[in-house]
Amino acid sequence: MFNLLLDALPTEYEGYLIRTDYRIGIQISQALEDEELEPYERIGIALSLLYGNGIPPADIAYAGLRWFLNAAAMAPQNEEDAGAVSVEDDGIRYFSFDYDAARLYSGFRRAYGVELDQVEMHWFRFLSLLGDLGECAFTRVVDIRSADLSKMDKETKRAYAAMRRKVALPQPKSPEEDEFMRQLRGE
């Protein structure tokens, strides 16, 4: 496990240079979710984005990609934070770097005074801050998308369902797509 407080932010994986800027992490995530690409194309693009001086052998490259996307398995502060930076166990996406870009930008600006379009930041640091973003438009939308409607009274459920329709994200369209994303997450 990686400790953000004690360990130097990594710039390589197993001796291979990696590109660590949070924008690379976002681009990798976007490539892996791009339904217009075949799975092998997604992985190829993700690996070419991640590795700076050539892609290592396949087993190392793929392990490094998973390691990078999961921020070397940094432990979230609590269970709510864990859901904020990943796809849930049910395979449903609750946020998107494309659809929620403005909300993320304003959330980082409000919570941390960070102008995301003007800073360089390591992916691991970005994920740590994202996991603790606090109350903002982004987290409210994620809460709406991820709320368990089965535990709500009829009127509240109706209100949440209406809000959810307004902020819904496209979801994986096929079982193969869902399986691809589960394998990538190591499930």
Protein backbone atom coordinates (compact mmCIF):
# COMPACT_ATOMS: atom_id res chain seq x y z
CA MET A 1 0.00 0.00 0.00
CA PHE A 2 1.18 3.51 -0.81
CA ASN A 3 1.23 6.15 1.94
CA LEU A 4 0.82 9.66 0.55
CA LEU A 5 2.18 11.17 3.78
CA LEU A 6 5.36 9.10 3.98
CA ASP A 7 6.23 7.89 0.50
CA ALA A 8 7.62 9.97 -2.36
CA LEU A 9 5.14 10.21 -5.20
CA PRO A 10 6.14 7.55 -7.72
CA THR A 11 7.38 8.43 -11.19
CA GLU A 12 7.92 4.85 -12.33
CA TYR A 13 6.47 1.38 -12.02
CA GLU A 14 8.81 -1.62 -11.86
CA GLY A 15 11.56 0.55 -13.34
CA TYR A 16 9.42 1.90 -16.20
CA LEU A 17 8.79 5.64 -16.41
CA ILE A 18 5.14 6.60 -15.93
CA ARG A 19 3.38 9.85 -16.71
CA THR A 20 1.82 10.90 -13.42
CA ASP A 21 -0.11 14.11 -14.07
CA TYR A 22 -3.76 13.90 -13.08
CA ARG A 23 -4.73 14.81 -16.66
CA ILE A 24 -3.11 11.57 -17.82
CA GLY A 25 -5.17 9.66 -15.24
CA ILE A 26 -8.32 11.32 -16.52
CA GLN A 27 -7.42 10.61 -20.15
CA ILE A 28 -6.70 6.97 -19.29
CA SER A 29 -10.08 6.71 -17.55
CA GLN A 30 -11.80 8.26 -20.55
CA ALA A 31 -10.07 5.88 -22.96
CA LEU A 32 -11.02 2.85 -20.88
CA GLU A 33 -14.67 3.92 -20.84
CA ASP A 34 -14.87 4.80 -24.55
CA GLU A 35 -17.50 2.46 -25.95
CA GLU A 36 -16.55 3.36 -29.52
CA LEU A 37 -13.25 1.52 -29.05
CA GLU A 38 -12.64 -2.21 -28.87
CA PRO A 39 -11.26 -3.44 -25.51
CA TYR A 40 -7.78 -4.03 -26.96
CA GLU A 41 -7.78 -0.46 -28.34
CA ARG A 42 -8.75 0.94 -24.95
CA ILE A 43 -5.93 -0.88 -23.22
CA GLY A 44 -3.47 0.12 -25.93
CA ILE A 45 -4.35 3.78 -25.62
CA ALA A 46 -4.28 3.64 -21.82
CA LEU A 47 -0.84 2.00 -21.81
CA SER A 48 0.57 4.45 -24.35
CA LEU A 49 -0.69 7.34 -22.22
CA LEU A 50 0.77 5.93 -19.00
CA TYR A 51 4.26 4.84 -19.99
CA GLY A 52 6.68 7.59 -20.97
CA ASN A 53 9.57 5.70 -22.55
CA GLY A 54 7.95 2.65 -24.09
CA ILE A 55 5.47 0.13 -22.83
CA PRO A 56 6.87 -2.70 -20.69
CA PRO A 57 6.01 -6.40 -21.21
CA ALA A 58 2.26 -7.03 -21.12
CA ASP A 59 2.04 -8.49 -17.61
CA ILE A 60 3.99 -5.61 -16.07
CA ALA A 61 2.22 -3.01 -18.22
CA TYR A 62 -1.26 -4.21 -17.26
CA ALA A 63 -0.38 -4.56 -13.56
CA GLY A 64 1.11 -1.06 -13.64
CA LEU A 65 -2.03 0.34 -15.22
CA ARG A 66 -4.23 -1.14 -12.50
CA TRP A 67 -1.76 0.02 -9.83
CA PHE A 68 -1.79 3.56 -11.24
CA LEU A 69 -5.56 3.83 -11.62
CA ASN A 70 -6.02 2.66 -8.04
CA ALA A 71 -3.33 5.06 -6.75
CA ALA A 72 -1.21 2.12 -5.58
CA ALA A 73 -4.20 1.04 -3.47
CA MET A 74 -4.16 4.06 -1.19
CA ALA A 75 -6.68 3.37 1.53
CA PRO A 76 -9.63 5.79 1.52
CA GLN A 77 -10.36 7.52 4.82
CA ASN A 78 -13.79 5.91 5.10
CA GLU A 79 -16.26 3.83 3.12
CA GLU A 80 -18.06 6.86 1.68
CA ASP A 81 -14.76 8.07 0.19
CA ALA A 82 -14.19 4.70 -1.49
CA GLY A 83 -17.36 5.11 -3.57
CA ALA A 84 -16.44 8.63 -4.60
CA VAL A 85 -13.49 7.59 -6.76
CA SER A 86 -14.58 4.33 -8.32
CA VAL A 87 -17.32 2.43 -10.07
CA GLU A 88 -19.48 0.67 -7.52
CA ASP A 89 -19.72 -3.12 -7.16
CA ASP A 90 -22.97 -3.10 -9.12
CA GLY A 91 -21.08 -1.89 -12.22
CA ILE A 92 -22.95 1.41 -12.40
CA ARG A 93 -20.92 4.55 -13.07
CA TYR A 94 -21.75 7.35 -10.66
CA PHE A 95 -19.46 9.99 -12.09
CA SER A 96 -17.75 10.84 -15.33
CA PHE A 97 -14.75 13.02 -16.01
CA ASP A 98 -16.55 14.17 -19.17
CA TYR A 99 -20.04 14.86 -17.87
CA ASP A 100 -18.95 16.14 -14.47
CA ALA A 101 -15.90 18.21 -15.50
CA ALA A 102 -17.40 21.58 -14.54
CA ARG A 103 -18.66 20.23 -11.21
CA LEU A 104 -15.23 18.78 -10.42
CA TYR A 105 -13.53 22.01 -11.40
CA SER A 106 -15.79 24.12 -9.19
CA GLY A 107 -15.56 21.61 -6.32
CA PHE A 108 -11.75 21.71 -6.33
CA ARG A 109 -11.84 25.50 -6.60
CA ARG A 110 -14.22 25.83 -3.67
CA ALA A 111 -12.71 23.18 -1.39
CA TYR A 112 -9.01 23.63 -2.07
CA GLY A 113 -8.60 26.89 -3.97
CA VAL A 114 -7.14 24.85 -6.84
CA GLU A 115 -7.66 25.94 -10.42
CA LEU A 116 -7.44 22.50 -12.02
CA ASP A 117 -6.80 23.92 -15.46
CA GLN A 118 -3.74 25.79 -14.18
CA VAL A 119 -1.90 23.31 -11.94
CA GLU A 120 0.21 20.24 -12.28
CA MET A 121 -0.77 17.55 -9.82
CA HIS A 122 0.18 13.91 -9.38
CA TRP A 123 -2.68 11.48 -10.07
CA PHE A 124 -2.37 9.97 -6.58
CA ARG A 125 -2.70 13.43 -4.97
CA PHE A 126 -5.68 14.24 -7.23
CA LEU A 127 -7.47 11.03 -6.23
CA SER A 128 -6.82 11.72 -2.56
CA LEU A 129 -8.34 15.20 -2.86
CA LEU A 130 -11.23 13.88 -4.95
CA GLY A 131 -12.01 11.29 -2.28
CA ASP A 132 -12.36 14.01 0.35
CA LEU A 133 -13.98 16.73 -1.74
CA GLY A 134 -16.80 17.44 0.68
CA GLU A 135 -20.16 19.03 -0.04
CA CYS A 136 -20.33 20.55 -3.52
CA ALA A 137 -22.30 20.20 -6.75
CA PHE A 138 -20.18 17.21 -7.80
CA THR A 139 -20.74 15.24 -4.58
CA ARG A 140 -24.44 16.12 -4.53
CA VAL A 141 -24.86 14.75 -8.06
CA VAL A 142 -22.92 11.59 -7.16
CA ASP A 143 -25.13 11.19 -4.07
CA ILE A 144 -28.26 11.49 -6.24
CA ARG A 145 -26.94 8.95 -8.74
CA SER A 146 -25.89 6.47 -6.05
CA ALA A 147 -28.76 6.82 -3.54
CA ASP A 148 -30.46 3.57 -2.59
CA LEU A 149 -34.05 4.24 -3.58
CA SER A 150 -35.31 1.02 -2.01
CA LYS A 151 -34.83 2.50 1.48
CA MET A 152 -36.87 5.65 0.79
CA ASP A 153 -40.51 6.45 1.30
CA LYS A 154 -42.64 6.77 -1.82
CA GLU A 155 -42.50 10.58 -2.14
CA THR A 156 -38.74 10.81 -1.53
CA LYS A 157 -38.15 7.98 -3.99
CA ARG A 158 -40.18 9.80 -6.65
CA ALA A 159 -38.19 13.02 -6.07
CA TYR A 160 -34.86 11.20 -6.27
CA ALA A 161 -35.90 9.32 -9.39
CA ALA A 162 -36.77 12.63 -11.08
CA MET A 163 -33.45 14.20 -10.02
CA ARG A 164 -31.59 11.08 -11.14
CA ARG A 165 -33.09 11.30 -14.64
CA LYS A 166 -31.80 14.88 -14.92
CA VAL A 167 -28.21 13.96 -13.98
CA ALA A 168 -28.02 10.40 -15.33
CA LEU A 169 -24.87 9.11 -17.02
CA PRO A 170 -24.67 6.71 -19.92
CA GLN A 171 -23.95 3.23 -18.59
CA PRO A 172 -22.10 0.27 -20.13
CA LYS A 173 -24.35 -1.19 -22.78
CA SER A 174 -23.39 -4.85 -22.79
CA PRO A 175 -22.41 -7.65 -20.40
CA GLU A 176 -19.04 -7.79 -22.17
CA GLU A 177 -18.48 -4.08 -21.45
CA ASP A 178 -19.38 -4.60 -17.81
CA GLU A 179 -17.07 -7.62 -17.56
CA PHE A 180 -14.20 -5.68 -19.18
CA MET A 181 -14.52 -2.89 -16.58
CA ARG A 182 -14.75 -5.42 -13.71
CA GLN A 183 -11.56 -7.16 -14.87
CA LEU A 184 -9.77 -3.86 -15.14
CA ARG A 185 -10.75 -3.05 -11.54
CA GLY A 186 -9.44 -6.48 -10.49
CA GLU A 187 -12.77 -7.87 -9.34
